[in-house]
Protein backbone atom coordinates (compact mmCIF):
# COMPACT_ATOMS: atom_id res chain seq x y z
CA MET A 1 6.99 31.57 1.11
CA VAL A 2 8.18 29.15 3.64
CA ARG A 3 10.45 26.67 2.39
CA ASN A 4 12.10 24.81 4.67
CA ARG A 5 9.25 23.12 7.24
CA ARG A 6 11.19 20.01 8.18
CA PRO A 7 8.78 16.71 7.09
CA ARG A 8 6.81 14.72 9.52
CA ALA A 9 8.71 12.14 11.18
CA GLY A 10 6.51 9.89 10.58
CA ILE A 11 7.16 10.59 6.79
CA ALA A 12 10.69 10.47 6.87
CA ALA A 13 11.19 7.72 8.68
CA CYS A 14 9.09 5.65 6.67
CA CYS A 15 11.25 7.05 3.97
CA LEU A 16 14.63 5.54 5.94
CA LEU A 17 13.62 2.39 6.54
CA LEU A 18 11.63 1.09 3.49
CA LEU A 19 13.77 -2.23 3.50
CA LEU A 20 13.63 -3.25 6.97
CA LEU A 21 9.63 -3.58 7.16
CA PRO A 22 8.70 -6.56 5.44
CA ALA A 23 4.68 -6.78 4.98
CA VAL A 24 2.31 -8.81 2.32
CA ALA A 25 0.88 -7.01 -0.02
CA THR A 26 -1.50 -7.12 -2.65
CA SER A 27 0.49 -6.42 -6.10
CA GLN A 28 0.13 -2.84 -7.02
CA TRP A 29 -2.29 -2.73 -10.32
CA HIS A 30 -3.77 -0.10 -11.52
CA ASP A 31 -6.64 0.52 -9.13
CA ARG A 32 -8.21 3.22 -11.82
CA GLY A 33 -9.36 0.78 -13.83
CA TYR A 34 -8.71 1.90 -17.86
CA VAL A 35 -10.02 3.81 -20.90
CA THR A 36 -9.96 2.35 -24.40
CA THR A 37 -11.48 3.47 -27.74
CA SER A 38 -13.00 0.92 -30.75
CA GLY A 39 -12.68 4.09 -33.50
CA ASP A 40 -16.20 5.57 -32.94
CA ARG A 41 -16.78 4.86 -28.95
CA VAL A 42 -14.44 4.90 -26.04
CA HIS A 43 -15.05 2.42 -23.04
CA VAL A 44 -14.24 3.34 -18.83
CA ILE A 45 -13.50 0.06 -17.56
CA ASP A 46 -13.45 0.03 -13.88
CA PRO A 47 -10.87 -3.07 -11.81
CA SER A 48 -13.56 -5.20 -11.37
CA GLY A 49 -14.44 -4.93 -14.67
CA GLY A 50 -17.05 -3.32 -15.25
CA VAL A 51 -17.91 -0.82 -17.97
CA ARG A 52 -19.13 2.53 -19.27
CA SER A 53 -19.51 3.50 -22.84
CA THR A 54 -20.64 5.89 -24.70
CA LEU A 55 -20.81 6.47 -29.13
CA LEU A 56 -18.41 9.77 -30.30
CA ALA A 57 -17.15 9.15 -33.56
CA PRO A 58 -18.75 8.50 -36.89
CA SER A 59 -16.26 6.51 -37.93
CA HIS A 60 -14.94 3.40 -36.63
CA ALA A 61 -11.22 4.44 -37.27
CA ASP A 62 -11.44 8.23 -36.04
CA ILE A 63 -10.66 7.59 -32.40
CA ALA A 64 -6.62 7.17 -33.18
CA ASP A 65 -5.13 7.33 -29.55
CA LEU A 66 -5.35 8.39 -26.02
CA ILE A 67 -4.04 9.54 -23.14
CA MET A 68 -4.48 11.22 -20.13
CA ASP A 69 -3.83 14.92 -19.91
CA ALA A 70 -1.65 16.65 -17.97
CA ASP A 71 -4.17 17.60 -15.46
CA ASN A 72 -4.51 13.93 -14.59
CA CYS A 73 -8.54 14.23 -14.69
CA GLN A 74 -9.58 14.20 -18.58
CA VAL A 75 -8.85 12.31 -21.77
CA LEU A 76 -7.16 13.19 -24.87
CA LEU A 77 -8.29 11.92 -27.86
CA VAL A 78 -7.46 12.28 -31.06
CA LEU A 79 -9.54 12.04 -33.63
CA ARG A 80 -8.23 11.38 -36.93
CA ASP A 81 -10.44 11.99 -39.33
CA ARG A 82 -12.06 15.26 -38.08
CA GLN A 83 -8.02 16.76 -37.29
CA ARG A 84 -9.50 17.07 -34.06
CA ILE A 85 -7.47 16.95 -30.25
CA VAL A 86 -10.69 16.52 -27.60
CA ARG A 87 -10.75 16.47 -24.15
CA PHE A 88 -13.00 14.15 -22.38
CA ASP A 89 -13.96 13.38 -19.23
CA PRO A 90 -14.14 9.66 -17.76
CA VAL A 91 -16.59 10.23 -15.49
CA THR A 92 -19.58 12.13 -17.49
CA LEU A 93 -18.37 10.60 -20.57
CA ALA A 94 -18.66 13.77 -22.44
CA ILE A 95 -16.53 15.94 -24.69
CA THR A 96 -15.43 18.76 -21.99
CA GLY A 97 -13.03 20.70 -24.72
CA THR A 98 -10.52 21.34 -27.46
CA LEU A 99 -7.00 21.02 -27.17
CA HIS A 100 -6.08 21.75 -30.81
CA GLU A 101 -8.48 21.56 -34.03
CA GLY A 102 -7.44 21.81 -37.96
CA ALA A 103 -4.24 22.93 -39.49
CA PRO A 104 -1.30 22.26 -39.42
CA LEU A 105 -3.18 18.69 -39.22
CA SER A 106 -4.52 16.92 -41.35
CA SER A 107 -4.03 12.32 -40.25
CA PRO A 108 -3.38 13.05 -36.32
CA VAL A 109 -2.40 9.29 -35.33
CA GLY A 110 -0.38 9.55 -31.59
CA ILE A 111 -0.28 12.16 -28.72
CA ALA A 112 2.34 12.17 -25.73
CA ILE A 113 3.12 14.80 -23.65
CA ASP A 114 6.70 16.05 -22.27
CA HIS A 115 8.39 17.56 -18.97
CA ASN A 116 7.03 20.64 -19.63
CA GLY A 117 3.86 19.72 -20.23
CA HIS A 118 4.08 20.06 -24.21
CA HIS A 119 1.74 18.23 -25.94
CA TYR A 120 3.48 15.77 -28.93
CA ILE A 121 1.89 14.87 -31.84
CA ALA A 122 2.54 12.60 -34.84
CA ASP A 123 0.43 12.78 -38.19
CA ALA A 124 0.90 10.30 -40.54
CA THR A 125 -0.44 12.50 -43.48
CA GLN A 126 2.11 15.25 -42.63
CA GLN A 127 4.59 12.95 -42.01
CA ALA A 128 5.60 14.71 -39.23
CA VAL A 129 6.18 15.18 -35.30
CA TYR A 130 4.31 18.89 -34.08
CA ARG A 131 5.02 19.98 -30.64
CA LEU A 132 1.51 22.35 -29.17
CA THR A 133 2.50 24.76 -26.14
CA PRO A 134 0.92 27.78 -24.83
CA ARG A 135 2.93 29.73 -27.92
CA GLY A 136 1.08 27.95 -30.58
CA ILE A 137 2.06 24.73 -32.70
CA GLU A 138 4.99 23.81 -34.12
CA LYS A 139 6.51 21.37 -36.22
CA VAL A 140 9.62 19.50 -34.53
CA LEU A 141 10.91 17.11 -37.28
CA SER A 142 9.11 15.49 -41.14
CA SER A 143 10.75 12.89 -43.15
CA THR A 144 9.04 11.39 -45.89
CA THR A 145 12.18 8.20 -45.05
CA HIS A 146 11.57 7.48 -41.36
CA LEU A 147 8.24 9.00 -40.54
CA ASP A 148 6.12 8.21 -44.12
CA TRP A 149 3.25 6.00 -41.85
CA PRO A 150 3.39 6.70 -38.13
CA GLU A 151 0.71 5.05 -36.75
CA GLY A 152 2.26 3.04 -33.98
CA GLY A 153 1.93 6.28 -31.83
CA VAL A 154 4.47 8.25 -29.52
CA ARG A 155 5.64 8.07 -26.11
CA ILE A 156 8.24 10.26 -24.52
CA ASP A 157 11.65 7.61 -23.17
CA PRO A 158 11.65 7.93 -20.00
CA ASP A 159 15.80 7.54 -19.74
CA THR A 160 15.95 10.96 -21.95
CA GLY A 161 13.08 12.99 -22.36
CA ASP A 162 13.30 12.21 -26.52
CA LEU A 163 10.46 11.32 -28.15
CA LEU A 164 9.96 7.45 -29.32
CA VAL A 165 7.71 6.81 -32.48
CA LEU A 166 6.50 3.59 -33.98
CA ASN A 167 6.39 4.04 -38.30
CA THR A 168 4.68 1.25 -39.77
CA SER A 169 4.88 1.35 -42.52
CA VAL A 170 5.69 -1.18 -45.39
CA THR A 171 8.74 0.71 -46.12
CA SER A 172 10.16 2.19 -42.94
CA ASP A 173 8.56 -0.38 -40.33
CA ARG A 174 10.96 1.12 -37.25
CA LEU A 175 10.23 2.51 -34.23
CA TYR A 176 12.90 5.92 -34.00
CA ARG A 177 14.15 8.51 -31.77
CA ILE A 178 13.33 11.98 -32.28
CA LEU A 179 16.04 14.05 -30.69
CA ARG A 180 13.88 16.57 -28.64
CA ASN A 181 15.28 19.76 -29.99
CA GLY A 182 14.43 18.80 -33.15
CA SER A 183 18.21 18.24 -34.55
CA GLY A 184 17.64 14.46 -35.61
CA ILE A 185 16.34 11.07 -35.63
CA GLU A 186 17.69 7.77 -35.28
CA PRO A 187 16.42 3.80 -35.77
CA VAL A 188 15.88 2.36 -32.36
CA GLY A 189 14.88 -1.18 -33.76
CA ALA A 190 13.65 -2.64 -36.34
CA GLY A 191 11.43 -6.07 -37.33
CA PHE A 192 8.25 -5.05 -36.05
CA GLN A 193 6.08 -5.64 -38.89
CA ALA A 194 3.63 -3.03 -39.23
CA ARG A 195 2.97 -3.05 -35.73
CA TYR A 196 0.64 -0.93 -33.46
CA GLY A 197 1.09 0.10 -30.43
CA PHE A 198 3.98 0.04 -28.30
CA ASP A 199 5.18 1.47 -24.62
CA VAL A 200 8.32 1.03 -22.96
CA HIS A 201 9.04 -1.24 -19.67
CA LEU A 202 10.84 1.09 -17.19
CA PRO A 203 12.13 -1.70 -15.19
CA SER A 204 14.58 -2.89 -17.87
CA TRP A 205 13.58 -0.08 -20.80
CA ASP A 206 12.33 -3.06 -23.17
CA ILE A 207 10.29 -2.15 -25.52
CA PHE A 208 6.81 -3.76 -26.12
CA ALA A 209 5.07 -3.84 -29.36
CA THR A 210 1.79 -6.00 -30.79
CA SER A 211 1.22 -7.26 -33.92
CA CYS A 212 -2.37 -6.78 -35.60
CA CYS A 213 -2.44 -7.43 -39.49
CA GLN A 214 0.66 -7.66 -41.64
CA PRO A 215 1.04 -9.92 -41.92
CA PHE A 216 -1.83 -11.60 -40.72
CA VAL A 217 -1.86 -14.83 -38.95
CA SER A 218 -3.77 -16.51 -36.04
CA PRO A 219 -1.84 -16.17 -33.07
CA ILE A 220 -1.42 -13.08 -31.46
CA ARG A 221 2.10 -12.15 -30.89
CA ILE A 222 4.04 -9.66 -28.57
CA LEU A 223 7.49 -8.72 -29.75
CA ARG A 224 9.91 -7.16 -27.50
CA LEU A 225 12.99 -4.62 -28.96
CA GLY A 226 16.13 -6.56 -28.27
CA GLN A 227 19.26 -6.78 -29.58
CA ASN A 228 18.37 -3.44 -31.75
CA ALA A 229 15.70 -5.96 -33.52
CA ALA A 230 12.13 -7.14 -32.58
CA GLU A 231 11.63 -10.82 -31.33
CA ASP A 232 8.74 -12.75 -30.05
CA PHE A 233 7.94 -12.47 -26.58
CA PHE A 234 4.72 -13.92 -26.35
CA VAL A 235 2.68 -16.17 -28.88
CA GLN A 236 -0.68 -17.04 -28.39
CA PRO A 237 -2.05 -20.41 -29.74
CA PRO A 238 -4.89 -19.69 -32.33
CA GLY A 239 -7.92 -18.04 -30.85
CA LEU A 240 -6.59 -13.78 -30.00
CA ASP A 241 -6.19 -12.81 -33.47
CA GLY A 242 -3.71 -9.81 -33.26
CA ALA A 243 -3.94 -6.54 -31.64
CA TYR A 244 -3.35 -2.41 -31.33
CA ALA A 245 -2.96 -1.67 -27.50
CA VAL A 246 -0.02 -2.58 -25.17
CA ARG A 247 0.68 -1.17 -22.12
CA CYS A 248 3.39 -2.32 -19.32
CA ASP A 249 1.59 -1.87 -16.12
CA ARG A 250 3.30 0.03 -13.20
CA SER A 251 7.17 -0.02 -12.81
CA SER A 252 5.87 -0.59 -8.74
CA ALA A 253 3.40 -3.45 -9.26
CA ARG A 254 5.17 -6.60 -7.26
CA ASP A 255 4.18 -8.56 -10.81
CA GLN A 256 4.79 -7.69 -13.53
CA ARG A 257 2.17 -8.17 -16.75
CA LEU A 258 1.65 -6.40 -19.97
CA VAL A 259 -1.85 -4.73 -20.51
CA VAL A 260 -3.16 -5.93 -23.91
CA ALA A 261 -5.86 -5.04 -25.86
CA PRO A 262 -6.83 -7.91 -28.68
CA MET A 263 -8.98 -8.03 -31.52
CA PHE A 264 -12.13 -9.35 -32.56
CA ASP A 265 -13.90 -11.98 -30.35
CA GLN A 266 -11.21 -11.41 -27.89
CA ALA A 267 -11.07 -7.81 -27.97
CA GLY A 268 -10.75 -6.46 -24.73
CA ILE A 269 -8.60 -5.43 -21.71
CA TRP A 270 -6.06 -8.87 -20.79
CA PHE A 271 -3.46 -9.61 -19.20
CA ILE A 272 0.23 -11.29 -19.95
CA ASP A 273 1.98 -12.11 -16.73
CA MET A 274 5.56 -11.33 -17.72
CA THR A 275 6.79 -13.46 -15.76
CA SER A 276 4.68 -16.84 -16.57
CA ARG A 277 3.62 -15.58 -19.30
CA ALA A 278 -0.05 -16.54 -17.85
CA VAL A 279 -2.77 -14.98 -19.86
CA THR A 280 -6.04 -13.73 -17.71
CA SER A 281 -8.70 -11.41 -19.06
CA LEU A 282 -10.55 -8.45 -17.44
CA GLN A 283 -13.32 -7.54 -19.42
CA ARG A 284 -14.54 -8.53 -23.21
CA LEU A 285 -15.92 -6.16 -25.78
CA ASP A 286 -17.73 -6.06 -29.13
CA ARG A 287 -14.90 -4.94 -31.52
CA PRO A 288 -11.23 -4.04 -31.17
CA GLN A 289 -9.67 -1.45 -29.11
CA LEU A 290 -7.00 1.17 -30.56
CA ALA A 291 -5.61 2.25 -28.11
CA LEU A 292 -5.39 1.90 -23.92
CA GLU A 293 -5.22 4.09 -20.73
CA PHE A 294 -4.57 4.26 -17.64
CA VAL A 295 -7.66 6.04 -16.03
CA HIS A 296 -5.91 8.96 -13.69
CA GLY A 297 -2.54 7.54 -14.18
CA ARG A 298 -0.86 10.11 -14.86
CA ASN A 299 -0.16 10.63 -10.93
CA VAL A 300 3.33 12.84 -11.86
CA GLN A 301 2.83 15.90 -14.27
CA PRO A 302 5.96 18.95 -14.89
CA VAL A 303 4.69 21.68 -15.74
CA ALA A 304 7.53 24.43 -17.35
CA ALA A 305 6.99 27.83 -15.23
CA GLY A 306 9.83 29.21 -17.03
CA SER A 307 13.73 28.38 -17.72
CA GLY A 308 15.07 25.65 -15.55
CA ARG A 309 12.04 26.13 -13.20
CA TRP A 310 9.21 23.49 -12.86
CA ASP A 311 5.39 23.28 -10.90
CA ILE A 312 5.81 19.22 -10.43
CA ARG A 313 2.21 19.27 -10.32
CA LEU A 314 1.07 15.82 -8.46
CA SER A 315 -2.22 14.02 -8.43
CA PHE A 316 -3.68 10.94 -6.55
CA PRO A 317 -7.28 10.81 -6.68
CA GLY A 318 -9.08 8.99 -3.74
CA GLU A 319 -6.07 9.78 -1.32
CA ALA A 320 -7.42 13.46 -0.69
CA ARG A 321 -5.31 14.34 3.02
CA ASN A 322 -2.37 11.32 2.57
CA SER A 323 0.76 12.56 2.82
CA TYR A 324 3.11 12.51 0.19
CA PHE A 325 6.81 12.90 -0.17
CA VAL A 326 8.41 13.41 -3.81
CA LEU A 327 12.57 12.32 -4.56
CA LEU A 328 14.85 13.75 -7.46
CA SER A 329 17.69 11.72 -8.36
CA VAL A 330 20.34 12.14 -11.04
CA ASN A 331 21.17 8.59 -11.97
CA GLY A 332 18.04 7.23 -13.72
CA VAL A 333 15.52 4.91 -12.86
CA ARG A 334 17.31 1.60 -12.51
CA PRO A 335 17.99 -0.25 -10.48
CA GLY A 336 15.37 0.51 -8.34
CA LEU A 337 15.02 -0.07 -4.53
CA LEU A 338 13.50 -3.51 -4.31
CA LEU A 339 11.28 -3.08 -1.05
CA GLY A 340 10.56 -5.68 1.82
CA ASP A 341 6.81 -6.23 0.15
CA GLY A 342 8.04 -6.85 -3.63
CA ARG A 343 7.41 -3.93 -4.80
CA LYS A 344 10.20 -1.31 -6.09
CA ILE A 345 10.86 2.48 -5.31
CA GLN A 346 11.87 2.58 -9.51
CA LEU A 347 14.90 5.11 -8.94
CA VAL A 348 18.78 4.94 -7.81
CA LEU A 349 18.43 6.58 -4.44
CA ASP A 350 21.65 8.59 -5.19
CA VAL A 351 23.40 11.40 -3.65
CA VAL A 352 20.80 13.51 -4.67
CA ALA A 353 17.91 11.71 -3.79
CA ARG A 354 18.96 10.85 -0.28
CA ALA A 355 19.56 15.08 -0.23
CA THR A 356 15.90 15.57 -1.73
CA LEU A 357 14.50 13.01 1.71
CA THR A 358 17.04 15.34 3.88
CA LEU A 359 15.87 18.84 2.82
CA GLU A 360 19.51 19.91 1.56
CA PHE A 361 18.04 20.81 -1.53
CA SER A 362 15.23 22.46 0.24
CA SER A 363 16.42 26.39 -1.41
CA ILE A 364 16.02 25.43 -4.76
CA PHE A 365 13.15 21.45 -4.63
CA TRP A 366 10.47 22.87 -2.06
CA ASN A 367 7.30 21.78 -1.64
CA ASN A 368 8.33 17.59 -1.84
CA HIS A 369 6.47 16.77 1.14
CA GLY A 370 3.39 17.46 2.79
CA VAL A 371 0.08 16.27 2.76
CA LEU A 372 -2.62 16.12 -0.18
CA ASP A 373 -5.45 18.32 -0.41
CA GLY A 374 -9.19 17.56 -0.52
CA ALA A 375 -8.69 16.74 -4.67
CA GLY A 376 -5.99 14.51 -3.81
CA GLU A 377 -3.47 17.17 -5.39
CA ALA A 378 -0.41 18.96 -4.66
CA ALA A 379 2.64 20.97 -6.27
CA ALA A 380 6.09 20.80 -5.77
CA HIS A 381 8.31 23.51 -7.65
CA LEU A 382 12.00 22.66 -8.54
CA ASP A 383 14.25 25.94 -9.54
CA VAL A 384 17.95 25.00 -10.59
CA ARG A 385 18.47 27.79 -12.08
CA PRO A 386 20.73 29.15 -8.66
CA LEU A 387 22.82 26.39 -9.99
CA GLY A 388 24.61 28.76 -12.84
CA PRO A 389 24.57 27.30 -16.88
CA ASN A 390 26.90 24.51 -16.84
CA VAL A 391 23.39 22.64 -15.64
CA ARG A 392 21.77 23.01 -19.19
CA GLY A 393 21.58 19.54 -20.09
CA LEU A 394 20.91 18.13 -17.17
CA ARG A 395 18.45 15.31 -16.76
CA LEU A 396 16.77 14.84 -13.35
CA TRP A 397 14.14 11.81 -12.50
CA ALA A 398 11.21 12.80 -9.95
CA GLN A 399 9.37 9.92 -8.08
CA ALA A 400 6.87 10.12 -5.68
CA LEU A 401 5.32 8.43 -2.71
CA THR A 402 1.88 8.63 -1.31
CA PHE A 403 1.59 7.66 2.26
CA HIS A 404 -1.31 6.04 4.42
CA PRO A 405 -1.48 4.01 7.78
CA ALA A 406 -3.05 1.06 6.81
CA ALA A 407 -1.61 0.45 3.12
CA PRO A 408 1.82 -2.25 3.07
CA LEU A 409 4.70 -0.89 4.30
CA GLY A 410 2.57 2.98 4.98
CA ILE A 411 3.28 3.59 1.63
CA ARG A 412 -0.27 4.10 -0.22
CA THR A 413 0.94 4.38 -3.89
CA ILE A 414 4.61 4.42 -5.56
CA ALA A 415 3.89 6.70 -8.66
CA GLU A 416 5.91 6.34 -11.66
CA PRO A 417 8.70 8.55 -12.27
CA VAL A 418 9.93 11.25 -14.86
CA VAL A 419 12.26 12.64 -16.42
CA LEU A 420 13.37 16.74 -16.54
CA VAL A 421 15.31 17.89 -19.29
CA VAL A 422 17.05 21.08 -17.96
CA GLU A 423 17.01 23.99 -21.29
CA ASP A 424 15.27 26.30 -23.16
CA SER A 425 11.26 25.53 -22.41
């Protein structure tokens, strides 16, 4: 294996001169569209608002959550009533396989994927979170006090790699952090008042949640976690009656916005500009959407290859033969680097990032530059074992960029960064 090839001069020059090249660019919205579920149907919505739908479940509440799988090709659907996690193809609109079915799940309501490629499933009836690995399924943590109804969903904390779970019961209406090793649970914020659906805004680490049904009020409310308590970020005049799902768009977007799925007559995909609070609609649907995801939006997914080793899989559909570069940082994602066209590299360009740029770490981090294959895919490889046992607990952040001569600054896509935690996989 050859690990020390020099990057193309054009790529390195582009990375080094990012701040010096002003350009005019449109905002980098998610250009592959969205996938949502109304509980019994799955809808795939393209960037222009076109909709393809299919009926998959007998109950309007069966499909409780969905995310892109680790391969960035299939969507994972959480079937609450049938205790199944299935794979769904957003191109053919067909179920293609099963990730897990049956015990110990009884009412799965949320799912996330960590930096090892492992799946985490929140179960409302079991009041627990489970981890699914190639070795099987195991309970990470259960708590009748904290997780008595974790229907608000589960996310990976982009700063720590821990789990964030939104509990939505009357007695414990809080957002919690579950430590990765299952050794504890701690409150992150309260005051969500039975909100369903939340997301982390990566540039600020603000957490947004949507109001739904309790208390039932006419205006939709988007709550932002502030000072350990939820506060109103957005209150729409009467007409938008609650929402189940919210997502923050790409951190590299020039104009930051929220993607929201309101209920009832306004159901569908709506956008809220995070600066002006202006509201626009992409597409209206005939029923509330319980979950929302970006189609093919998991551009970077590390997968454990052993203790201290990862294959960092890259997936950029529609970008066959584009050049790519992957950077590492040990100082996180903020404040990042603002580019001349208004986009941002959401990574701290510290000494480690510069070393990966100049290939000084090529003995432990290789294939982090090159050309995507015909499917728009590639894989970088990281092996921190030569650094010794003292790196256990170390966090690394990885971010990938792709390049095309016709793109603003020559940068086609700035992928969302991911955090890797050095631990026993």
